[in-house]
Amino acid sequence: MGRWGQGIGCKPSLGRWPQQRKGQTASGAWGGSRMAAGAAAGAWVLVLSLWGAVVGSQNITARIGEPLVLNCKGAPKKPPQQLEWKLVLSTQGDSWDSVARILPNGSLLLPAVGIQDEGTFRCRAMSRKGKETKSNYQVQVYKIPGKPEIVDPASELTAGIPNKVGTCVSEGGYPAGTLSWHLDGKPLISDGKGVSVKEATRRHPETGLFTVQSELMVTPALGQAPRPTFSCSFSPGLPRRRALHAASIQPSVWEPVPLEKVQLVVEPEGGAVAPGGTVTLTCEAPAQPPLQIHWLKDGMPLPLPPSPVLLLPEVGPQDQGTYSCVATYPAHGPQESPAVSISIIGSVGGLGLGTLALALGILGGLGTAALLIGIIMWQRRKHRGEERKAPENQEEEEEHAELNQSEEPEVAEGSAGGP
């Protein structure tokens, strides 16, 4: 990688990666980035490029904004020295915009560590006896944000339905980190049913710091604690860093009592009205105010705005039928009232006159048919009875004639034997 500088060090110039010209080696490309010698003998060399295999790497975490010193092992404590520093891997991938400089003892100083300083630094030093030593540092930067905060906290939750508890927000951290929710000190896990968490992460375009937020939705169970304790915590994206906890909140839980049945009152009572009359239907819901009241006729929704009262003026045949109301509650859902029947006086069971006449006609036809069938049957029976009596009378006449014939000879004999 070019010549080794000696003498008193001077501040190097750190800019973009040098471009390798055609036919030029990487060493030659980096040779142009060295500074000229200082006031004494020689110059310090700071080289930033991809270089060699990692040997004995050491992980270092540095807080953003604080100074960082990386020692070059094996380098002589005083000039003349032979050493070079290189940046092997940068998480940013673009120019290494830093104010790093080499100290007189060969160490690398980063006066204020930033996100652009993340990467692997290596130093290669040559002792005065000719022994080469390599130092490798994996640098990761971090910034701990302030304590998270629960914004838009809920003051009251309703049992049995989903409720938004609040949004936990953490601003100005690096790396992003994670947010967690707790209920009465126990972790809450999103299951998509009783617990739902919606997370979002944003990065500031200038500072590169992260803002993390987490929105919590819960469905309190009936019979749960009346004042549960919710809290959230922020866990940094680096190991061995303590979590930060937000101030907890304690919303109350309102548990709706069982509702009474919705009733429907009709005037006039019974729902029977003269043609052209007025009918008033009133939906009586329990004391808890329902969200909306809709009306049904014969099981089908009526295209009317929500209202607890339904007025039917000038009732006609088209208004006859069964009516009911549906009350919708936030915590219970819809509840329907028993149905009532509206009919016009003079109709039977709400039937029209045409239907009634048809029914009477059918009944009259059935009665007439039954009468005709009875007459026919009676005549047939009568005819059979006469046929049976006719032979009996004929036999009697024949017997009577025979008796008369036997009596006539006897009378003649008596007359002949007289005086």
Protein backbone atom coordinates (compact mmCIF):
# COMPACT_ATOMS: atom_id res chain seq x y z
CA MET A 1 0.00 0.00 0.00
CA GLY A 2 2.72 2.49 -0.86
CA ARG A 3 5.48 3.84 1.37
CA TRP A 4 5.32 3.94 5.16
CA GLY A 5 5.35 7.47 6.57
CA GLN A 6 7.68 8.47 9.39
CA GLY A 7 8.12 11.44 11.65
CA ILE A 8 5.64 13.73 13.40
CA GLY A 9 2.05 13.11 12.41
CA CYS A 10 -0.25 15.58 10.75
CA LYS A 11 -4.02 15.58 10.32
CA PRO A 12 -5.03 13.54 7.27
CA SER A 13 -7.61 14.48 4.72
CA LEU A 14 -10.65 12.19 4.66
CA GLY A 15 -12.81 12.30 1.53
CA ARG A 16 -14.44 9.97 -0.98
CA TRP A 17 -13.00 6.60 -1.89
CA PRO A 18 -10.21 7.04 -4.45
CA GLN A 19 -10.99 5.69 -7.89
CA GLN A 20 -8.59 3.14 -9.40
CA ARG A 21 -7.34 4.15 -12.82
CA LYS A 22 -6.92 1.68 -15.66
CA GLY A 23 -3.70 -0.27 -15.19
CA GLN A 24 -3.25 1.02 -11.63
CA THR A 25 -3.25 -1.22 -8.57
CA ALA A 26 -5.31 -0.56 -5.49
CA SER A 27 -2.13 0.44 -3.68
CA GLY A 28 -1.40 3.01 -6.30
CA ALA A 29 -4.92 4.36 -6.12
CA TRP A 30 -4.59 4.92 -2.41
CA GLY A 31 -1.12 6.36 -2.68
CA GLY A 32 -2.60 9.64 -3.89
CA SER A 33 -4.65 10.08 -0.72
CA ARG A 34 -1.71 10.45 1.65
CA MET A 35 -0.80 13.81 3.07
CA ALA A 36 2.63 15.37 2.54
CA ALA A 37 5.15 15.31 5.35
CA GLY A 38 4.66 17.62 8.32
CA ALA A 39 7.04 20.21 9.70
CA ALA A 40 9.50 17.53 10.91
CA ALA A 41 10.44 14.32 9.13
CA GLY A 42 7.70 12.35 7.37
CA ALA A 43 3.93 12.19 7.48
CA TRP A 44 1.23 10.09 9.05
CA VAL A 45 -0.64 7.80 6.73
CA LEU A 46 -4.42 7.21 7.04
CA VAL A 47 -5.71 4.79 4.42
CA LEU A 48 -9.40 3.92 4.06
CA SER A 49 -10.08 0.97 1.77
CA LEU A 50 -10.96 -2.74 1.63
CA TRP A 51 -7.99 -4.61 2.98
CA GLY A 52 -7.01 -8.13 4.06
CA ALA A 53 -8.62 -10.72 6.27
CA VAL A 54 -10.01 -9.94 9.71
CA VAL A 55 -7.62 -10.99 12.49
CA GLY A 56 -8.54 -10.76 16.18
CA SER A 57 -11.54 -8.48 15.69
CA GLN A 58 -12.80 -6.52 18.72
CA ASN A 59 -16.39 -5.27 18.99
CA ILE A 60 -16.84 -1.72 20.22
CA THR A 61 -20.05 0.18 20.83
CA ALA A 62 -19.86 3.95 20.94
CA ARG A 63 -22.49 6.52 21.88
CA ILE A 64 -23.30 8.96 19.09
CA GLY A 65 -21.71 12.36 19.71
CA GLU A 66 -18.98 11.16 22.07
CA PRO A 67 -15.25 10.81 21.21
CA LEU A 68 -13.73 7.43 20.39
CA VAL A 69 -10.05 6.44 20.37
CA LEU A 70 -8.88 3.26 18.62
CA ASN A 71 -5.38 2.06 19.55
CA CYS A 72 -3.01 0.77 16.92
CA LYS A 73 -1.34 -2.17 18.65
CA GLY A 74 2.34 -2.75 18.03
CA ALA A 75 3.02 0.80 16.88
CA PRO A 76 5.93 2.65 18.50
CA LYS A 77 4.76 5.15 21.08
CA LYS A 78 6.76 7.93 19.49
CA PRO A 79 7.79 8.80 15.96
CA PRO A 80 9.22 7.61 13.70
CA GLN A 81 6.39 5.12 13.14
CA GLN A 82 5.21 2.94 10.32
CA LEU A 83 1.40 2.38 10.41
CA GLU A 84 -1.78 2.76 8.39
CA TRP A 85 -5.49 2.80 9.22
CA LYS A 86 -8.20 1.40 6.96
CA LEU A 87 -11.99 1.28 7.00
CA VAL A 88 -12.91 -2.22 5.84
CA LEU A 89 -16.71 -2.06 5.92
CA SER A 90 -19.08 0.85 6.22
CA THR A 91 -22.82 0.43 6.86
CA GLN A 92 -23.53 3.65 4.98
CA GLY A 93 -21.92 2.56 1.70
CA ASP A 94 -21.12 6.12 0.56
CA SER A 95 -18.46 8.71 1.43
CA TRP A 96 -16.84 8.49 4.83
CA ASP A 97 -17.52 12.02 6.01
CA SER A 98 -15.60 12.23 9.27
CA VAL A 99 -13.08 14.34 11.14
CA ALA A 100 -10.92 11.41 12.27
CA ARG A 101 -7.24 12.07 12.88
CA ILE A 102 -4.20 10.14 14.05
CA LEU A 103 -2.71 10.95 17.44
CA PRO A 104 1.07 11.10 18.04
CA ASN A 105 1.00 7.60 19.57
CA GLY A 106 -0.56 6.15 16.42
CA SER A 107 -4.13 5.84 17.78
CA LEU A 108 -7.11 6.95 15.70
CA LEU A 109 -9.31 9.66 17.23
CA LEU A 110 -12.96 10.16 16.26
CA PRO A 111 -13.87 13.41 18.08
CA ALA A 112 -17.64 12.92 17.79
CA VAL A 113 -18.84 9.50 16.67
CA GLY A 114 -21.70 9.50 14.17
CA ILE A 115 -23.73 6.99 12.20
CA GLN A 116 -21.29 7.47 9.32
CA ASP A 117 -18.49 6.04 11.50
CA GLU A 118 -20.05 2.57 11.76
CA GLY A 119 -17.86 -0.12 10.23
CA THR A 120 -14.66 -2.14 10.71
CA PHE A 121 -11.43 -0.23 11.34
CA ARG A 122 -8.01 -1.88 10.96
CA CYS A 123 -4.57 -0.72 11.78
CA ARG A 124 -1.32 -2.30 10.57
CA ALA A 125 1.81 -1.24 12.43
CA MET A 126 5.48 -2.12 12.04
CA SER A 127 7.72 -2.07 15.09
CA ARG A 128 11.28 -0.84 14.94
CA LYS A 129 12.42 -4.47 14.98
CA GLY A 130 10.35 -5.18 11.86
CA LYS A 131 7.46 -7.03 13.56
CA GLU A 132 4.06 -6.41 11.97
CA THR A 133 0.95 -6.14 14.19
CA LYS A 134 -2.67 -5.81 13.06
CA SER A 135 -5.52 -4.30 15.07
CA ASN A 136 -9.20 -4.83 14.10
CA TYR A 137 -12.20 -2.97 15.54
CA GLN A 138 -15.85 -3.55 14.71
CA VAL A 139 -17.49 -0.24 15.61
CA GLN A 140 -21.23 0.05 16.18
CA VAL A 141 -22.78 3.33 17.25
CA TYR A 142 -25.94 3.89 19.26
CA LYS A 143 -28.12 6.57 20.76
CA ILE A 144 -30.50 5.93 23.62
CA PRO A 145 -33.75 7.89 23.16
CA GLY A 146 -35.72 9.47 25.93
CA LYS A 147 -38.31 7.48 27.84
CA PRO A 148 -41.21 6.32 25.69
CA GLU A 149 -44.56 8.02 26.11
CA ILE A 150 -48.14 6.79 25.77
CA VAL A 151 -50.04 9.37 23.71
CA ASP A 152 -53.83 9.56 23.38
CA PRO A 153 -54.40 7.26 26.38
CA ALA A 154 -57.90 5.90 26.90
CA SER A 155 -59.66 6.85 30.12
CA GLU A 156 -62.39 4.20 29.84
CA LEU A 157 -62.70 0.83 28.10
CA THR A 158 -65.88 -1.12 27.32
CA ALA A 159 -65.90 -4.84 28.06
CA GLY A 160 -66.73 -7.18 25.22
CA ILE A 161 -65.69 -4.93 22.31
CA PRO A 162 -62.29 -3.76 20.89
CA ASN A 163 -60.90 -0.58 22.48
CA LYS A 164 -57.86 1.56 21.66
CA VAL A 165 -55.70 1.81 24.78
CA GLY A 166 -53.18 4.29 23.36
CA THR A 167 -50.07 4.74 21.21
CA CYS A 168 -46.59 4.24 22.66
CA VAL A 169 -43.95 6.48 20.99
CA SER A 170 -40.14 6.45 21.23
CA GLU A 171 -38.20 9.20 19.39
CA GLY A 172 -34.56 9.81 18.54
CA GLY A 173 -33.00 6.37 18.98
CA TYR A 174 -30.42 4.40 17.01
CA PRO A 175 -30.68 1.57 16.06
CA ALA A 176 -34.46 1.48 15.84
CA GLY A 177 -35.14 -0.81 18.82
CA THR A 178 -38.53 -2.33 19.73
CA LEU A 179 -41.57 -1.39 21.82
CA SER A 180 -43.45 -3.82 24.08
CA TRP A 181 -46.78 -3.57 25.92
CA HIS A 182 -47.54 -4.90 29.40
CA LEU A 183 -50.77 -5.55 31.30
CA ASP A 184 -50.49 -5.58 35.08
CA GLY A 185 -46.75 -6.20 34.69
CA LYS A 186 -47.12 -9.13 32.27
CA PRO A 187 -46.17 -8.95 28.56
CA LEU A 188 -49.02 -8.57 26.09
CA ILE A 189 -48.70 -10.66 22.92
CA SER A 190 -50.68 -9.71 19.83
CA ASP A 191 -53.04 -12.56 18.86
CA GLY A 192 -55.33 -10.67 16.48
CA LYS A 193 -58.35 -11.40 18.72
CA GLY A 194 -58.33 -9.94 22.22
CA VAL A 195 -55.01 -8.13 21.73
CA SER A 196 -53.89 -6.33 18.57
CA VAL A 197 -50.71 -4.25 18.09
CA LYS A 198 -50.00 -2.02 15.09
CA GLU A 199 -46.36 -0.89 14.77
CA ALA A 200 -44.66 1.72 12.59
CA THR A 201 -41.02 2.90 12.25
CA ARG A 202 -39.81 6.16 10.68
CA ARG A 203 -36.26 7.45 10.11
CA HIS A 204 -35.30 11.10 10.11
CA PRO A 205 -33.89 12.03 6.69
CA GLU A 206 -31.15 14.27 8.15
CA THR A 207 -30.09 12.81 11.50
CA GLY A 208 -30.73 9.14 10.60
CA LEU A 209 -32.37 8.59 14.02
CA PHE A 210 -35.50 6.46 14.39
CA THR A 211 -39.01 7.10 15.71
CA VAL A 212 -40.90 3.95 16.70
CA GLN A 213 -44.58 3.80 17.62
CA SER A 214 -46.93 1.02 18.66
CA GLU A 215 -50.75 1.23 18.88
CA LEU A 216 -52.52 -1.16 21.26
CA MET A 217 -56.10 -2.46 20.85
CA VAL A 218 -57.64 -4.75 23.48
CA THR A 219 -61.01 -6.40 24.09
CA PRO A 220 -61.54 -6.57 27.87
CA ALA A 221 -63.27 -9.74 29.02
CA LEU A 222 -66.42 -9.60 31.11
CA GLY A 223 -65.56 -9.83 34.77
CA GLN A 224 -62.02 -8.52 34.28
CA ALA A 225 -60.33 -6.15 36.76
CA PRO A 226 -62.17 -2.79 36.80
CA ARG A 227 -58.92 -0.75 36.50
CA PRO A 228 -56.16 -2.65 34.63
CA THR A 229 -52.65 -1.17 34.43
CA PHE A 230 -51.11 -0.76 30.96
CA SER A 231 -47.51 0.21 30.30
CA CYS A 232 -45.00 0.10 27.45
CA SER A 233 -41.22 -0.21 27.31
CA PHE A 234 -38.50 0.47 24.74
CA SER A 235 -35.69 -2.08 24.22
CA PRO A 236 -32.59 -0.72 22.42
CA GLY A 237 -31.28 -2.60 19.41
CA LEU A 238 -27.98 -3.34 21.19
CA PRO A 239 -27.29 -6.03 23.78
CA ARG A 240 -26.74 -5.30 27.47
CA ARG A 241 -28.81 -2.14 27.34
CA ARG A 242 -31.60 -1.64 29.84
CA ALA A 243 -35.15 -1.16 28.67
CA LEU A 244 -36.83 2.21 29.12
CA HIS A 245 -40.33 2.26 30.60
CA ALA A 246 -43.13 4.72 29.98
CA ALA A 247 -45.45 5.97 32.68
CA SER A 248 -48.31 3.50 33.12
CA ILE A 249 -52.00 4.27 32.64
CA GLN A 250 -55.05 2.84 34.42
CA PRO A 251 -58.25 3.21 32.37
CA SER A 252 -61.50 2.09 33.93
CA VAL A 253 -63.49 -0.79 32.40
CA TRP A 254 -67.21 -0.31 31.92
CA GLU A 255 -69.12 -3.57 31.85
CA PRO A 256 -72.62 -3.19 30.35
CA VAL A 257 -75.45 -4.79 32.30
CA PRO A 258 -77.77 -7.28 30.53
CA LEU A 259 -80.38 -5.44 28.52
CA GLU A 260 -84.10 -5.76 28.92
CA LYS A 261 -86.05 -6.77 25.86
CA VAL A 262 -87.02 -4.10 23.38
CA GLN A 263 -90.79 -3.57 23.39
CA LEU A 264 -93.07 -2.19 20.68
CA VAL A 265 -96.18 -0.19 21.70
CA VAL A 266 -98.94 0.41 19.13
CA GLU A 267 -101.80 2.94 19.23
CA PRO A 268 -104.66 2.23 18.86
CA GLU A 269 -104.22 -0.84 21.03
CA GLY A 270 -104.36 -4.10 19.13
CA GLY A 271 -103.30 -2.49 15.86
CA ALA A 272 -106.81 -2.44 14.33
CA VAL A 273 -107.72 0.86 12.69
CA ALA A 274 -110.49 2.16 10.45
CA PRO A 275 -109.58 2.94 6.85
CA GLY A 276 -107.87 6.36 6.70
CA GLY A 277 -107.02 6.32 10.41
CA THR A 278 -103.61 6.90 12.03
CA VAL A 279 -101.36 4.33 13.73
CA THR A 280 -98.44 5.25 16.02
CA LEU A 281 -95.69 2.69 16.73
CA THR A 282 -93.25 3.45 19.57
CA CYS A 283 -90.06 1.42 20.12
CA GLU A 284 -89.34 1.31 23.87
CA ALA A 285 -85.64 0.49 24.43
CA PRO A 286 -84.00 0.03 27.86
CA ALA A 287 -82.65 2.99 29.80
CA GLN A 288 -79.20 2.71 28.19
CA PRO A 289 -79.37 4.83 25.04
CA PRO A 290 -79.17 2.75 21.87
CA LEU A 291 -77.08 3.91 18.96
CA GLN A 292 -79.86 3.65 16.34
CA ILE A 293 -83.42 2.33 15.93
CA HIS A 294 -84.57 0.95 12.58
CA TRP A 295 -87.97 -0.43 11.49
CA LEU A 296 -89.02 -3.62 9.74
CA LYS A 297 -92.24 -4.52 7.95
CA ASP A 298 -92.97 -8.18 7.26
CA GLY A 299 -89.30 -8.87 8.09
CA MET A 300 -87.92 -6.39 5.53
CA PRO A 301 -86.15 -3.08 6.48
CA LEU A 302 -88.13 0.08 5.81
CA PRO A 303 -86.22 2.84 3.95
CA LEU A 304 -86.68 5.36 6.78
CA PRO A 305 -84.20 7.35 8.90
CA PRO A 306 -83.53 5.97 12.40
CA SER A 307 -86.25 7.01 14.86
CA PRO A 308 -87.90 5.54 17.98
CA VAL A 309 -91.40 6.46 16.65
CA LEU A 310 -93.06 5.30 13.42
CA LEU A 311 -96.21 7.17 12.32
CA LEU A 312 -98.62 5.68 9.77
CA PRO A 313 -101.12 8.39 8.69
CA GLU A 314 -104.20 7.61 6.57
CA VAL A 315 -103.77 3.86 6.84
CA GLY A 316 -104.73 1.91 3.75
CA PRO A 317 -104.53 -1.73 2.60
CA GLN A 318 -100.87 -1.20 1.66
CA ASP A 319 -100.04 -0.43 5.32
CA GLN A 320 -101.38 -3.71 6.67
CA GLY A 321 -98.80 -6.24 7.89
CA THR A 322 -96.48 -7.03 10.81
CA TYR A 323 -94.10 -4.38 12.18
CA SER A 324 -91.06 -4.59 14.47
CA CYS A 325 -88.16 -2.34 15.52
CA VAL A 326 -84.42 -3.08 15.86
CA ALA A 327 -82.31 -1.23 18.46
CA THR A 328 -78.51 -1.28 17.95
CA TYR A 329 -76.24 -0.90 20.98
CA PRO A 330 -72.44 -0.30 20.91
CA ALA A 331 -71.73 -3.11 23.37
CA HIS A 332 -74.52 -5.57 22.57
CA GLY A 333 -75.25 -5.29 18.88
CA PRO A 334 -78.76 -5.29 17.38
CA GLN A 335 -81.84 -6.40 19.35
CA GLU A 336 -85.27 -6.83 17.71
CA SER A 337 -88.65 -6.31 19.38
CA PRO A 338 -91.62 -8.68 19.13
CA ALA A 339 -93.72 -7.99 16.03
CA VAL A 340 -97.20 -6.41 16.08
CA SER A 341 -99.89 -6.68 13.41
CA ILE A 342 -101.62 -3.70 11.80
CA SER A 343 -105.03 -4.38 10.21
CA ILE A 344 -107.98 -2.39 8.92
CA ILE A 345 -111.37 -2.71 10.68
CA GLY A 346 -113.85 -4.68 8.51
CA SER A 347 -111.31 -7.15 7.27
CA VAL A 348 -110.84 -10.61 8.71
CA GLY A 349 -107.39 -11.33 9.89
CA GLY A 350 -106.17 -8.48 7.78
CA LEU A 351 -107.53 -10.07 4.52
CA GLY A 352 -108.98 -7.88 1.78
CA LEU A 353 -112.64 -7.95 0.65
CA GLY A 354 -111.72 -9.71 -2.57
CA THR A 355 -109.97 -12.46 -0.66
CA LEU A 356 -112.94 -12.79 1.70
CA ALA A 357 -115.42 -13.02 -1.19
CA LEU A 358 -113.29 -15.67 -2.82
CA ALA A 359 -113.21 -17.68 0.39
CA LEU A 360 -117.00 -17.41 0.83
CA GLY A 361 -117.55 -18.41 -2.82
CA ILE A 362 -115.42 -21.49 -2.37
CA LEU A 363 -117.32 -22.46 0.80
CA GLY A 364 -120.71 -21.92 -0.95
CA GLY A 365 -119.65 -24.05 -3.91
CA LEU A 366 -118.56 -26.87 -1.60
CA GLY A 367 -121.92 -26.72 0.23
CA THR A 368 -123.93 -26.87 -2.99
CA ALA A 369 -121.92 -29.80 -4.27
CA ALA A 370 -122.51 -31.67 -1.01
CA LEU A 371 -126.28 -31.04 -1.24
CA LEU A 372 -126.48 -32.33 -4.81
CA ILE A 373 -124.56 -35.44 -3.91
CA GLY A 374 -126.98 -36.06 -1.00
CA ILE A 375 -130.05 -35.76 -3.25
CA ILE A 376 -128.61 -38.16 -5.82
CA MET A 377 -127.81 -40.71 -3.15
CA TRP A 378 -131.33 -40.42 -1.66
CA GLN A 379 -132.97 -40.96 -5.03
CA ARG A 380 -130.88 -44.04 -5.69
CA ARG A 381 -131.83 -45.53 -2.36
CA LYS A 382 -135.55 -44.81 -2.98
CA HIS A 383 -135.49 -46.48 -6.40
CA ARG A 384 -133.89 -49.60 -4.97
CA GLY A 385 -136.62 -49.79 -2.28
CA GLU A 386 -139.41 -49.69 -4.85
CA GLU A 387 -137.81 -52.46 -6.89
CA ARG A 388 -137.77 -54.68 -3.83
CA LYS A 389 -141.53 -54.04 -2.99
CA ALA A 390 -142.83 -54.78 -6.52
CA PRO A 391 -142.15 -58.58 -6.50
CA GLU A 392 -143.70 -58.97 -3.03
CA ASN A 393 -147.00 -57.41 -4.18
CA GLN A 394 -147.14 -59.66 -7.28
CA GLU A 395 -146.82 -62.82 -5.17
CA GLU A 396 -149.62 -61.67 -2.89
CA GLU A 397 -151.97 -61.11 -5.87
CA GLU A 398 -151.19 -64.56 -7.26
CA GLU A 399 -151.96 -66.18 -3.91
CA HIS A 400 -155.17 -64.19 -3.61
CA ALA A 401 -156.24 -65.29 -7.11
CA GLU A 402 -155.59 -68.93 -6.28
CA LEU A 403 -157.72 -68.65 -3.15
CA ASN A 404 -160.53 -67.12 -5.12
CA GLN A 405 -160.41 -69.90 -7.68
CA SER A 406 -160.57 -72.60 -4.99
CA GLU A 407 -163.55 -70.97 -3.34
CA GLU A 408 -165.61 -70.76 -6.55
CA PRO A 409 -165.95 -74.64 -7.12
CA GLU A 410 -166.96 -75.11 -3.53
CA VAL A 411 -169.79 -72.62 -3.87
CA ALA A 412 -171.00 -74.29 -7.08
CA GLU A 413 -171.13 -77.70 -5.47
CA GLY A 414 -173.13 -76.34 -2.60
CA SER A 415 -175.63 -74.81 -4.94
CA ALA A 416 -176.09 -78.02 -6.91
CA GLY A 417 -176.81 -80.14 -3.88
CA GLY A 418 -179.59 -77.86 -2.65
CA PRO A 419 -183.50 -78.59 -2.66
